[in-house]
Amino acid sequence: MEKNTGSSFDNSFNLKLYRKRFIPAGCIPLKDDVIVEQTDDYILTTWHTINPKTTFDHGSSCYLLKDGVKISKFYKPDGDLLYWYCDIVEYEFNEAGDTLTVTDLLADVIIYPDGRTKVVDLDELADALDQKLITQAQATASLRQLNNLLSMLYRDKFDRFQAILNQKGL
């Protein structure tokens, strides 16, 4: 698989999405996610949880292809917003197979509706590095992308990411 370097996606929405994790290890197809919109800059999806949860059961995501971030809105079963969840990720696009593998680089940020922000899973990033599950380059990229995301949040610029989903009613 090649890393996406701005290659144009076929806008027919035939793209197959995969989620790859280091902890716990695995790669699964996101076959039930619905691609709502696809551009060279982002992919918008809607989804229901793979494993049922009591606090949330569906959401929408914006895969920011040039920023190494996936921004998701998690919704409670009654439709109220639970929180925004930001995954630091790496994208690998395979044109031949029309697939996009999204690798979770472990660091995450949760933004609650009241504005509280929480950085999570840095311990998993450290464990993955210690156990050589991820490369030094991936860990460094994760920390840089996390820093960029937090800088946007601290400068009140996160709304540009939120707007992509909100303008579509997702």
Foldseek 3Di string as FASTA:
>chain_A
DAFDPLDWADFPQPEWEWEAEVVVGDIDTQVAWGFPGDGSQWTKTKAFDPDDDQQFTIWMWIGGRVLQKIWIFTAHPVGHTAWIKIFRWTWGADPVVNYIYTYGLQWMWIAGPVGDIDIDRVVVNVVCVVVVSDDPVSSVSSVVSVVVQVVCSVVVNCVVVVCVCVVVVD
